[in-house]
N, C-alpha and C. Protein backbone atom coordinates (compact mmCIF):
# COMPACT_ATOMS: atom_id res chain seq x y z
N MET A 1 16.08 7.23 0.85
CA MET A 1 15.07 6.90 -0.06
C MET A 1 13.83 7.19 1.04
N ILE A 2 13.18 7.96 0.20
CA ILE A 2 11.45 7.74 1.15
C ILE A 2 10.17 7.10 -0.14
N VAL A 3 10.44 5.66 0.90
CA VAL A 3 9.24 5.17 0.43
C VAL A 3 7.69 5.81 -0.05
N VAL A 4 7.32 6.13 -1.15
CA VAL A 4 6.15 6.41 -1.38
C VAL A 4 4.83 6.12 -0.30
N ASP A 5 3.95 6.45 0.29
CA ASP A 5 2.84 6.38 1.19
C ASP A 5 2.41 7.84 0.98
N THR A 6 1.02 7.60 0.56
CA THR A 6 -0.13 8.69 0.28
C THR A 6 -0.66 9.10 1.49
N HIS A 7 -0.15 9.10 2.60
CA HIS A 7 -0.27 8.93 3.80
C HIS A 7 0.66 10.37 4.28
N GLU A 8 1.83 10.28 3.85
CA GLU A 8 2.75 11.59 4.05
C GLU A 8 2.73 12.84 2.72
N PHE A 9 1.99 12.06 1.76
CA PHE A 9 1.91 13.25 0.68
C PHE A 9 0.14 13.44 0.70
N HIS A 10 -0.19 15.11 -0.09
CA HIS A 10 -1.09 15.94 -0.16
C HIS A 10 -1.82 15.88 -1.80
N TRP A 11 -2.73 16.12 -1.42
CA TRP A 11 -3.54 16.66 -3.07
C TRP A 11 -3.69 18.02 -3.36
N GLN A 12 -3.41 18.39 -4.49
CA GLN A 12 -3.26 19.40 -5.32
C GLN A 12 -4.08 18.96 -6.14
N PHE A 13 -5.73 19.17 -6.35
CA PHE A 13 -6.74 18.60 -7.70
C PHE A 13 -6.33 17.17 -7.46
N LYS A 14 -6.97 16.52 -6.28
CA LYS A 14 -7.29 14.99 -6.13
C LYS A 14 -7.53 14.33 -7.72
N SER A 15 -7.45 13.09 -7.30
CA SER A 15 -7.00 12.30 -8.78
C SER A 15 -7.02 10.64 -7.81
N SER A 16 -7.59 9.86 -9.01
CA SER A 16 -7.12 8.20 -8.47
C SER A 16 -5.68 8.52 -8.43
N CYS A 17 -5.68 7.23 -7.09
CA CYS A 17 -3.92 7.11 -7.48
C CYS A 17 -4.18 5.56 -6.96
N VAL A 18 -3.19 4.96 -7.17
CA VAL A 18 -2.39 3.37 -6.51
C VAL A 18 -1.15 3.60 -6.04
N ALA A 19 -0.57 3.33 -4.66
CA ALA A 19 0.53 3.06 -4.02
C ALA A 19 0.82 2.03 -3.53
N LYS A 20 1.83 1.46 -3.74
CA LYS A 20 2.53 0.72 -3.54
C LYS A 20 4.19 0.81 -3.26
N GLY A 21 5.04 0.81 -2.20
CA GLY A 21 6.41 1.12 -1.76
C GLY A 21 6.44 2.32 -2.41
N ASN A 22 7.96 1.78 -3.48
CA ASN A 22 7.96 3.36 -3.76
C ASN A 22 7.27 3.56 -5.37
N GLN A 23 6.33 2.89 -6.10
CA GLN A 23 5.50 3.06 -7.32
C GLN A 23 4.37 4.17 -6.52
N LEU A 24 4.12 4.88 -8.28
CA LEU A 24 2.69 5.23 -8.03
C LEU A 24 2.01 5.39 -9.45
N GLU A 25 0.90 5.11 -9.15
CA GLU A 25 -0.21 5.00 -10.65
C GLU A 25 -1.38 6.51 -10.29
N ILE A 26 -0.91 7.70 -10.89
CA ILE A 26 -2.29 8.94 -10.75
C ILE A 26 -2.50 8.89 -12.44
N ASP A 27 -4.17 9.14 -12.23
CA ASP A 27 -5.04 9.16 -13.77
C ASP A 27 -5.06 10.68 -13.58
N ALA A 28 -4.77 11.00 -14.61
CA ALA A 28 -5.12 12.65 -15.22
C ALA A 28 -6.59 12.57 -15.73
N THR A 29 -6.69 13.64 -15.03
CA THR A 29 -8.26 14.69 -15.39
C THR A 29 -8.26 14.64 -16.59
N GLU A 30 -9.52 14.82 -17.10
CA GLU A 30 -10.16 15.57 -18.43
C GLU A 30 -9.39 16.30 -18.57
N LYS A 31 -8.83 17.18 -19.67
CA LYS A 31 -8.19 18.79 -20.17
C LYS A 31 -7.74 19.20 -19.19
N SER A 32 -6.57 18.51 -18.48
CA SER A 32 -5.86 19.07 -17.45
C SER A 32 -4.51 19.61 -17.56
N ASP A 33 -3.74 20.08 -16.92
CA ASP A 33 -2.84 20.45 -17.32
C ASP A 33 -2.08 21.45 -16.46
N TYR A 34 -0.66 21.72 -16.40
CA TYR A 34 -0.07 23.08 -15.50
C TYR A 34 0.59 23.76 -16.52
N PHE A 35 -0.45 25.32 -16.74
CA PHE A 35 0.26 26.09 -18.32
C PHE A 35 -0.30 27.53 -18.13
N ILE A 36 0.73 28.68 -17.84
CA ILE A 36 0.14 29.67 -18.24
C ILE A 36 0.34 29.91 -19.83
N ASP A 37 -0.07 30.33 -20.39
CA ASP A 37 0.31 30.96 -21.98
C ASP A 37 1.39 32.14 -21.98
N PRO A 38 1.83 32.33 -22.71
CA PRO A 38 3.02 33.53 -22.35
C PRO A 38 1.96 34.74 -23.42
N ALA A 39 1.33 33.95 -24.53
CA ALA A 39 0.84 34.78 -25.61
C ALA A 39 -0.20 35.47 -24.71
N SER A 40 -1.42 34.68 -24.29
CA SER A 40 -2.86 35.53 -23.84
C SER A 40 -2.78 35.20 -22.38
N GLY A 41 -1.74 34.96 -21.77
CA GLY A 41 -2.21 34.47 -20.09
C GLY A 41 -2.92 33.80 -19.61
N LYS A 42 -3.82 33.14 -20.36
CA LYS A 42 -4.67 32.11 -20.17
C LYS A 42 -4.20 30.77 -19.30
N LYS A 43 -4.63 30.66 -18.25
CA LYS A 43 -4.51 29.79 -17.38
C LYS A 43 -5.17 28.51 -17.06
N SER A 44 -4.47 27.12 -17.10
CA SER A 44 -4.84 26.14 -16.56
C SER A 44 -3.73 25.57 -15.78
N ILE A 45 -4.45 25.44 -14.71
CA ILE A 45 -3.89 24.71 -13.38
C ILE A 45 -5.26 24.05 -12.92
N ASN A 46 -5.01 22.84 -13.15
CA ASN A 46 -6.20 21.85 -12.53
C ASN A 46 -5.72 20.47 -12.72
N ALA A 47 -4.94 19.93 -13.08
CA ALA A 47 -3.92 18.60 -13.10
C ALA A 47 -3.59 17.97 -11.34
N PRO A 48 -3.99 16.75 -11.84
CA PRO A 48 -4.00 15.94 -10.75
C PRO A 48 -2.40 15.90 -10.04
N PHE A 49 -2.10 16.40 -8.46
CA PHE A 49 -0.11 17.04 -8.61
C PHE A 49 -0.55 15.91 -6.71
N LEU A 50 -0.04 14.90 -6.66
CA LEU A 50 0.34 14.64 -5.32
C LEU A 50 1.66 14.75 -4.48
N TYR A 51 1.63 15.69 -3.76
CA TYR A 51 2.67 16.39 -3.05
C TYR A 51 3.82 15.82 -2.13
N THR A 52 4.89 16.39 -1.88
CA THR A 52 5.40 16.17 -0.24
C THR A 52 6.02 17.72 0.12
N GLU A 53 6.10 18.44 1.01
CA GLU A 53 6.25 19.70 1.04
C GLU A 53 7.63 19.31 1.56
N ILE A 54 8.57 20.26 0.54
CA ILE A 54 10.46 20.24 1.41
C ILE A 54 10.86 21.20 1.63
N VAL A 55 11.67 21.51 2.52
CA VAL A 55 12.49 22.63 3.02
C VAL A 55 13.99 23.01 2.56
N GLY A 56 13.74 23.98 1.48
CA GLY A 56 15.39 23.84 1.47
C GLY A 56 15.91 22.92 0.13
N ASP A 57 17.08 22.26 0.10
CA ASP A 57 17.34 21.56 -0.96
C ASP A 57 16.90 20.29 -1.44
N PHE A 58 16.85 20.18 -2.42
CA PHE A 58 15.73 18.41 -2.55
C PHE A 58 16.40 18.00 -4.12
N THR A 59 16.35 16.51 -4.52
CA THR A 59 16.24 15.72 -5.54
C THR A 59 15.31 14.92 -5.34
N VAL A 60 14.71 14.83 -6.61
CA VAL A 60 13.44 13.87 -6.69
C VAL A 60 13.47 12.89 -8.17
N ASN A 61 13.63 12.06 -8.17
CA ASN A 61 13.52 11.02 -9.23
C ASN A 61 12.75 10.06 -9.82
N ALA A 62 12.40 9.77 -11.00
CA ALA A 62 11.52 8.60 -11.13
C ALA A 62 11.81 7.95 -12.41
N LYS A 63 11.08 7.05 -12.54
CA LYS A 63 11.34 6.23 -13.74
C LYS A 63 9.78 6.39 -14.15
N VAL A 64 9.63 6.98 -15.29
CA VAL A 64 8.71 7.22 -15.72
C VAL A 64 7.26 6.72 -17.01
N SER A 65 6.39 6.54 -16.77
CA SER A 65 5.91 6.44 -18.40
C SER A 65 4.33 6.26 -18.39
N THR A 66 3.38 6.98 -19.39
CA THR A 66 2.36 6.31 -19.64
C THR A 66 1.84 6.23 -20.92
N ASP A 67 0.09 5.74 -20.28
CA ASP A 67 -0.36 5.59 -21.94
C ASP A 67 -0.90 6.60 -22.83
N PHE A 68 0.14 7.00 -23.23
CA PHE A 68 -0.13 8.34 -24.09
C PHE A 68 -1.33 8.21 -24.76
N LYS A 69 -2.06 9.13 -25.45
CA LYS A 69 -3.60 8.83 -25.97
C LYS A 69 -3.63 10.01 -26.71
N ASP A 70 -3.79 11.23 -26.28
CA ASP A 70 -3.70 12.72 -27.01
C ASP A 70 -1.86 13.43 -27.01
N VAL A 71 -2.26 14.17 -27.78
CA VAL A 71 -1.47 15.28 -27.61
C VAL A 71 -1.23 16.12 -26.44
N TYR A 72 -0.05 16.10 -25.69
CA TYR A 72 0.48 16.78 -24.27
C TYR A 72 -0.34 16.07 -23.47
N ASP A 73 -0.50 14.54 -23.60
CA ASP A 73 -0.72 13.76 -22.50
C ASP A 73 1.00 13.43 -22.01
N ALA A 74 1.09 13.43 -20.36
CA ALA A 74 2.57 13.37 -19.53
C ALA A 74 2.59 13.29 -18.78
N CYS A 75 3.16 12.48 -17.88
CA CYS A 75 3.35 12.65 -16.45
C CYS A 75 4.59 13.08 -16.41
N THR A 76 4.67 13.66 -14.68
CA THR A 76 5.09 15.15 -14.50
C THR A 76 6.21 14.73 -13.45
N LEU A 77 6.92 15.64 -13.32
CA LEU A 77 8.03 15.69 -11.74
C LEU A 77 7.33 17.39 -11.73
N LEU A 78 7.07 18.03 -10.42
CA LEU A 78 6.34 19.22 -10.10
C LEU A 78 7.01 20.09 -9.04
N PHE A 79 7.39 20.76 -8.98
CA PHE A 79 7.51 21.26 -8.15
C PHE A 79 6.88 23.17 -8.14
N TRP A 80 6.26 23.69 -6.58
CA TRP A 80 5.71 24.67 -7.00
C TRP A 80 6.07 25.10 -5.82
N ASP A 81 5.68 27.15 -5.92
CA ASP A 81 5.91 27.30 -5.05
C ASP A 81 4.02 28.24 -4.96
N HIS A 82 3.89 28.75 -5.70
CA HIS A 82 2.44 29.83 -5.92
C HIS A 82 1.99 29.31 -7.30
N GLU A 83 0.67 30.33 -7.57
CA GLU A 83 0.53 29.45 -9.20
C GLU A 83 1.00 30.04 -9.91
N GLN A 84 1.87 31.30 -9.76
CA GLN A 84 2.86 31.98 -11.00
C GLN A 84 4.19 31.43 -10.99
N LEU A 85 4.70 30.85 -9.80
CA LEU A 85 5.96 30.31 -9.71
C LEU A 85 6.44 29.14 -9.76
N TRP A 86 6.52 28.00 -10.99
CA TRP A 86 6.54 26.75 -10.57
C TRP A 86 7.27 26.00 -11.49
N GLY A 87 7.93 25.10 -11.40
CA GLY A 87 8.04 24.14 -12.90
C GLY A 87 7.94 22.61 -13.18
N LYS A 88 7.95 22.15 -13.95
CA LYS A 88 7.84 20.76 -14.63
C LYS A 88 8.77 20.13 -15.35
N LEU A 89 9.04 18.93 -15.19
CA LEU A 89 9.00 18.17 -15.98
C LEU A 89 8.65 16.76 -16.71
N CYS A 90 8.34 16.20 -17.93
CA CYS A 90 7.32 16.27 -17.74
C CYS A 90 8.46 14.71 -19.29
N PHE A 91 7.63 13.57 -19.57
CA PHE A 91 7.56 12.37 -20.34
C PHE A 91 6.50 12.78 -21.40
N GLU A 92 6.32 13.44 -22.37
CA GLU A 92 5.00 13.89 -23.12
C GLU A 92 5.06 13.79 -24.39
N TYR A 93 4.08 13.52 -24.82
CA TYR A 93 3.24 13.24 -26.54
C TYR A 93 3.13 14.45 -27.00
N THR A 94 4.13 14.73 -27.56
CA THR A 94 4.26 16.56 -28.04
C THR A 94 3.52 16.25 -29.18
N ASP A 95 3.19 18.00 -29.71
CA ASP A 95 2.09 17.84 -30.81
C ASP A 95 3.38 18.22 -32.11
N ILE A 96 4.31 17.38 -32.30
CA ILE A 96 5.11 16.83 -33.65
C ILE A 96 4.70 15.79 -33.50
N GLY A 97 4.77 15.04 -32.85
CA GLY A 97 4.36 13.30 -33.04
C GLY A 97 5.03 12.56 -32.48
N ALA A 98 5.96 12.60 -31.59
CA ALA A 98 6.91 11.91 -31.02
C ALA A 98 6.63 12.16 -29.48
N ASN A 99 7.47 11.17 -28.28
CA ASN A 99 7.51 11.54 -27.14
C ASN A 99 8.64 12.06 -26.99
N ALA A 100 8.85 12.78 -25.97
CA ALA A 100 9.95 13.81 -25.01
C ALA A 100 10.01 13.62 -24.00
N VAL A 101 11.03 14.44 -23.60
CA VAL A 101 11.10 15.25 -22.46
C VAL A 101 10.69 16.70 -22.93
N VAL A 102 10.13 17.14 -21.70
CA VAL A 102 9.40 18.66 -21.75
C VAL A 102 9.70 19.25 -20.75
N SER A 103 9.78 20.52 -20.83
CA SER A 103 10.50 21.43 -19.39
C SER A 103 9.61 22.74 -19.52
N VAL A 104 8.97 22.99 -18.35
CA VAL A 104 8.10 24.31 -18.26
C VAL A 104 8.56 24.30 -17.15
N VAL A 105 8.92 25.90 -17.12
CA VAL A 105 9.01 26.98 -15.84
C VAL A 105 8.66 28.01 -16.28
N THR A 106 7.92 28.36 -15.23
CA THR A 106 7.01 29.10 -14.79
C THR A 106 7.68 30.87 -14.14
N GLN A 107 7.56 31.45 -14.10
CA GLN A 107 7.02 32.24 -13.79
C GLN A 107 6.43 34.04 -13.75
N GLY A 108 5.59 33.94 -13.92
CA GLY A 108 4.28 34.50 -14.01
C GLY A 108 3.67 34.55 -15.35
N THR A 109 4.71 33.64 -16.61
CA THR A 109 4.18 33.00 -17.21
C THR A 109 5.21 32.36 -17.85
N SER A 110 4.55 30.58 -18.47
CA SER A 110 5.07 29.86 -18.72
C SER A 110 5.78 29.91 -19.64
N ASP A 111 6.86 29.28 -19.89
CA ASP A 111 8.11 28.91 -21.04
C ASP A 111 7.59 27.36 -21.92
N ASP A 112 8.03 26.76 -22.87
CA ASP A 112 7.68 25.28 -22.73
C ASP A 112 8.79 25.13 -23.95
N ALA A 113 9.80 23.84 -23.53
CA ALA A 113 10.91 23.73 -24.38
C ALA A 113 10.83 21.81 -24.38
N ASN A 114 10.10 21.94 -25.69
CA ASN A 114 10.60 20.41 -26.04
C ASN A 114 11.79 19.99 -26.25
N GLY A 115 12.48 19.15 -25.80
CA GLY A 115 13.77 18.19 -25.22
C GLY A 115 13.96 16.86 -26.29
N GLN A 116 14.75 16.31 -26.07
CA GLN A 116 15.17 14.90 -26.58
C GLN A 116 14.25 14.51 -26.59
N SER A 117 13.80 13.26 -27.56
CA SER A 117 12.39 12.51 -28.45
C SER A 117 13.40 11.28 -27.58
N ILE A 118 12.13 10.43 -27.53
CA ILE A 118 12.53 9.40 -26.66
C ILE A 118 11.83 8.71 -27.36
N THR A 119 12.29 7.08 -27.87
CA THR A 119 11.83 5.72 -28.47
C THR A 119 10.91 4.81 -27.54
N THR A 120 12.26 4.87 -26.46
CA THR A 120 11.35 3.72 -25.66
C THR A 120 10.32 3.98 -24.53
N SER A 121 9.53 3.44 -24.47
CA SER A 121 8.54 3.67 -23.39
C SER A 121 8.23 4.03 -22.78
N HIS A 122 9.61 4.50 -21.85
CA HIS A 122 9.70 4.95 -20.67
C HIS A 122 10.49 6.16 -20.22
N VAL A 123 11.00 6.52 -19.38
CA VAL A 123 12.54 7.72 -19.44
C VAL A 123 12.74 7.73 -17.61
N TRP A 124 13.60 7.78 -16.81
CA TRP A 124 13.91 8.63 -16.19
C TRP A 124 14.13 10.06 -16.07
N LEU A 125 13.50 10.84 -14.47
CA LEU A 125 12.82 12.19 -14.88
C LEU A 125 13.77 12.59 -13.80
N GLN A 126 14.49 13.57 -12.98
CA GLN A 126 14.91 14.09 -12.24
C GLN A 126 15.55 15.53 -12.03
N ILE A 127 14.55 16.28 -10.65
CA ILE A 127 14.47 17.15 -10.61
C ILE A 127 15.83 17.71 -9.45
N SER A 128 16.61 18.29 -9.30
CA SER A 128 17.38 18.72 -7.95
C SER A 128 17.07 20.40 -7.82
N ARG A 129 17.04 20.72 -6.78
CA ARG A 129 17.24 22.38 -5.80
C ARG A 129 18.43 22.40 -5.43
N GLN A 130 19.14 23.50 -5.33
CA GLN A 130 20.51 24.13 -4.61
C GLN A 130 19.79 25.35 -4.12
N GLY A 131 20.04 25.99 -3.34
CA GLY A 131 19.21 27.52 -3.11
C GLY A 131 18.18 27.75 -3.74
N GLN A 132 18.65 29.09 -4.62
CA GLN A 132 17.48 28.85 -5.52
C GLN A 132 17.96 28.63 -7.37
N LEU A 133 18.67 27.47 -7.38
CA LEU A 133 19.35 26.90 -8.34
C LEU A 133 18.30 25.35 -8.20
N PHE A 134 17.87 25.21 -9.55
CA PHE A 134 17.22 24.06 -10.04
C PHE A 134 17.81 23.99 -11.26
N SER A 135 18.17 22.27 -11.39
CA SER A 135 18.46 21.45 -12.52
C SER A 135 17.63 20.78 -12.96
N MET A 136 17.00 20.05 -14.29
CA MET A 136 16.50 19.09 -14.89
C MET A 136 17.15 18.05 -15.53
N HIS A 137 17.21 16.61 -15.07
CA HIS A 137 17.56 16.20 -15.99
C HIS A 137 17.05 14.61 -16.71
N TYR A 138 17.65 14.09 -17.67
CA TYR A 138 16.71 12.75 -18.04
C TYR A 138 17.71 11.87 -18.11
N SER A 139 17.36 10.31 -17.75
CA SER A 139 18.08 9.18 -18.19
C SER A 139 17.85 8.34 -19.15
N LEU A 140 18.20 7.61 -19.52
CA LEU A 140 17.92 6.09 -20.47
C LEU A 140 17.79 5.10 -20.01
N ASN A 141 19.13 5.23 -18.91
CA ASN A 141 19.49 3.92 -18.02
C ASN A 141 19.12 3.86 -16.32
N GLY A 142 18.53 4.97 -16.15
CA GLY A 142 18.56 5.27 -14.71
C GLY A 142 20.22 5.72 -13.97
N ARG A 143 20.98 5.66 -14.52
CA ARG A 143 22.18 5.96 -13.79
C ARG A 143 23.14 6.95 -14.85
N ASP A 144 22.78 7.19 -15.92
CA ASP A 144 23.70 8.21 -16.64
C ASP A 144 22.49 9.29 -17.35
N TYR A 145 23.01 10.94 -16.60
CA TYR A 145 21.63 11.24 -16.50
C TYR A 145 22.45 12.56 -17.44
N ARG A 146 20.89 13.33 -18.55
CA ARG A 146 21.65 14.68 -19.37
C ARG A 146 20.72 15.46 -18.77
N MET A 147 21.07 16.69 -18.80
CA MET A 147 20.76 18.07 -18.79
C MET A 147 19.81 18.58 -19.34
N VAL A 148 19.03 18.69 -19.13
CA VAL A 148 17.80 19.27 -20.21
C VAL A 148 17.92 20.82 -19.67
N ARG A 149 18.03 21.40 -18.73
CA ARG A 149 18.29 22.70 -18.33
C ARG A 149 18.66 23.30 -16.89
N TYR A 150 18.83 24.32 -16.77
CA TYR A 150 19.86 24.65 -15.15
C TYR A 150 19.33 26.06 -14.99
N PHE A 151 19.25 26.13 -13.86
CA PHE A 151 18.32 28.00 -13.99
C PHE A 151 18.35 28.10 -12.56
N SER A 152 17.86 29.44 -12.55
CA SER A 152 17.67 29.84 -11.50
C SER A 152 15.73 30.88 -11.25
N LEU A 153 15.55 30.63 -9.89
CA LEU A 153 14.32 30.85 -9.63
C LEU A 153 14.51 31.43 -8.32
N PRO A 154 13.46 32.71 -8.45
CA PRO A 154 13.69 32.98 -6.83
C PRO A 154 12.55 32.75 -5.66
N CYS A 155 12.55 30.98 -5.84
CA CYS A 155 11.21 30.65 -4.76
C CYS A 155 12.12 30.80 -3.22
N SER A 156 10.23 30.27 -2.78
CA SER A 156 10.41 30.07 -0.97
C SER A 156 11.14 29.23 -0.66
N GLU A 157 12.09 29.16 0.93
CA GLU A 157 12.35 27.57 1.18
C GLU A 157 11.34 26.81 1.24
N LYS A 158 10.13 27.26 1.32
CA LYS A 158 9.45 25.58 1.06
C LYS A 158 8.35 25.32 0.10
N LEU A 159 8.62 24.41 -0.43
CA LEU A 159 8.20 24.13 -1.98
C LEU A 159 7.32 23.00 -1.55
N LYS A 160 6.12 22.84 -2.38
CA LYS A 160 5.62 21.35 -2.55
C LYS A 160 6.24 20.50 -4.17
N VAL A 161 6.34 19.34 -4.21
CA VAL A 161 7.57 18.74 -4.73
C VAL A 161 6.55 17.39 -5.45
N GLY A 162 6.44 17.06 -6.17
CA GLY A 162 5.75 15.79 -6.36
C GLY A 162 5.38 15.49 -7.70
N PHE A 163 4.83 14.81 -7.99
CA PHE A 163 3.97 13.66 -9.10
C PHE A 163 2.50 14.08 -9.94
N SER A 164 2.78 14.45 -11.09
CA SER A 164 1.11 15.10 -11.18
C SER A 164 1.30 14.01 -12.70
N ALA A 165 -0.28 13.98 -13.39
CA ALA A 165 -0.31 13.61 -14.52
C ALA A 165 -1.24 14.55 -15.30
N GLN A 166 -1.05 14.79 -16.59
CA GLN A 166 -1.65 15.35 -17.02
C GLN A 166 -2.33 15.18 -18.40
N SER A 167 -3.27 15.94 -18.99
CA SER A 167 -4.02 15.71 -20.69
C SER A 167 -4.64 16.79 -21.09
N PRO A 168 -4.09 17.55 -21.43
CA PRO A 168 -4.67 19.08 -21.64
C PRO A 168 -5.92 19.19 -22.94
N LEU A 169 -5.47 18.06 -23.78
CA LEU A 169 -6.64 18.33 -24.92
C LEU A 169 -7.31 17.05 -24.68
N GLY A 170 -7.03 16.02 -24.00
CA GLY A 170 -7.77 14.52 -23.96
C GLY A 170 -8.43 14.34 -22.15
N ASN A 171 -8.78 13.20 -22.91
CA ASN A 171 -9.99 12.64 -21.91
C ASN A 171 -9.13 11.69 -20.49
N GLY A 172 -7.84 12.09 -20.60
CA GLY A 172 -7.23 11.69 -19.27
C GLY A 172 -6.72 10.37 -19.91
N GLY A 173 -5.74 9.56 -19.17
CA GLY A 173 -4.90 8.88 -18.49
C GLY A 173 -4.00 8.16 -17.34
N THR A 174 -3.42 7.27 -17.70
CA THR A 174 -2.46 6.54 -16.45
C THR A 174 -1.25 6.86 -16.61
N ALA A 175 -0.91 7.94 -15.53
CA ALA A 175 0.69 8.10 -15.49
C ALA A 175 1.49 7.04 -14.58
N LYS A 176 2.77 5.91 -14.80
CA LYS A 176 3.29 5.66 -14.32
C LYS A 176 4.50 6.23 -13.49
N PHE A 177 5.02 5.78 -12.10
CA PHE A 177 5.97 6.21 -11.51
C PHE A 177 6.84 5.47 -10.86
N LYS A 178 7.59 4.45 -11.17
CA LYS A 178 8.49 3.33 -10.15
C LYS A 178 9.67 4.36 -9.93
N GLU A 179 10.38 3.12 -8.77
CA GLU A 179 11.74 3.60 -8.46
C GLU A 179 12.46 4.87 -8.11
N ILE A 180 11.03 5.60 -7.49
CA ILE A 180 10.98 6.62 -6.95
C ILE A 180 11.97 6.93 -6.11
N THR A 181 12.97 8.14 -5.71
CA THR A 181 13.73 8.32 -4.71
C THR A 181 13.58 10.21 -4.57
N ILE A 182 13.35 10.46 -3.32
CA ILE A 182 13.18 11.83 -3.08
C ILE A 182 14.36 12.38 -1.68
N ARG A 183 14.93 13.21 -2.29
CA ARG A 183 16.36 13.34 -0.97
C ARG A 183 16.19 14.83 -0.41
N ASN A 184 16.42 15.26 0.77
CA ASN A 184 16.76 16.16 0.94
C ASN A 184 17.80 16.91 1.20
N SER A 185 18.51 16.57 -0.32
CA SER A 185 19.79 17.17 -0.44
C SER A 185 19.92 17.18 -2.16
N SER A 186 20.86 18.73 -2.81
CA SER A 186 20.88 18.81 -4.18
C SER A 186 22.03 18.00 -4.74
N LEU A 187 22.09 17.99 -5.81
CA LEU A 187 22.92 16.97 -7.09
C LEU A 187 24.60 16.85 -6.32
N THR A 188 25.34 16.21 -6.50
CA THR A 188 26.95 16.84 -6.19
C THR A 188 27.36 18.29 -6.97
N ASP A 189 26.71 17.58 -8.33
CA ASP A 189 27.15 18.55 -9.81
C ASP A 189 25.83 18.79 -10.57
N MET A 190 25.19 19.90 -10.11
CA MET A 190 23.82 20.05 -10.72
C MET A 190 23.74 20.33 -12.30
N ARG A 191 25.06 20.47 -12.65
CA ARG A 191 25.02 20.43 -14.07
C ARG A 191 25.20 18.70 -15.10
N ALA A 192 25.65 18.07 -14.49
CA ALA A 192 26.25 16.95 -14.51
C ALA A 192 24.86 15.66 -14.53
N GLY A 193 24.32 16.11 -13.13
CA GLY A 193 23.32 15.41 -12.84
C GLY A 193 23.57 14.19 -11.67
N SER A 194 24.47 14.68 -11.47
CA SER A 194 24.74 13.30 -10.48
C SER A 194 25.42 14.15 -9.22
C-alpha cells in the first residue's frame, strides 16, 4: 500500500486538499469536469486532479463519498495519458436523480455510461491496468467487486493516476477518498476484480 502523501503527488488544476495517512479530501472547483462531448467536441478539462505517475501495470482503489449538491457532482478515480486519452470512474449524482457509479473513457471524444445506482452514502471504486487492458469495478463492502467495464486503450507506458473532484454544473463540493491503495501491479482476474 502507498500511504497518500501530497509531496509524492502533483496537481493538474490545483485545489484545496487535506491529506492524512491514506485519506484525502479534495475540493471541486466551480464548473469543473473532465469530458469531451462526442456530439459537439466541446472540451471541459479543468477539474482538480491529484496524481502520481505510474509506469506499467497498476491497481488503485478507494472508499469514496461526496457532499452531492448539483447534477454531475462526483468523486473520481482517474488515469490520464494526454488530453484526448484517459478514463475515469465516478461516484456521481446523475441527471436521473440518483447517485450512481459512472464511467467515462476518452479516446478523442468521451463516452458516458451510467452504471449501478447506489443508495448508500459511499462506495468503493477500483481501476486496474494490465498492459493495454483496463478494468473498472465497484464494491458496496470493500471486498466483493463488480465489473463496470473491461476494455483496451492504446496508452503510453507511463500514466498519471489519481483522484479528482468535479462539479460540472455546480459551485463545487468536497470529495472524500478513504482506505486508498495504489499498487504497481494488475489484478489477478481483471474481470472479477480480484
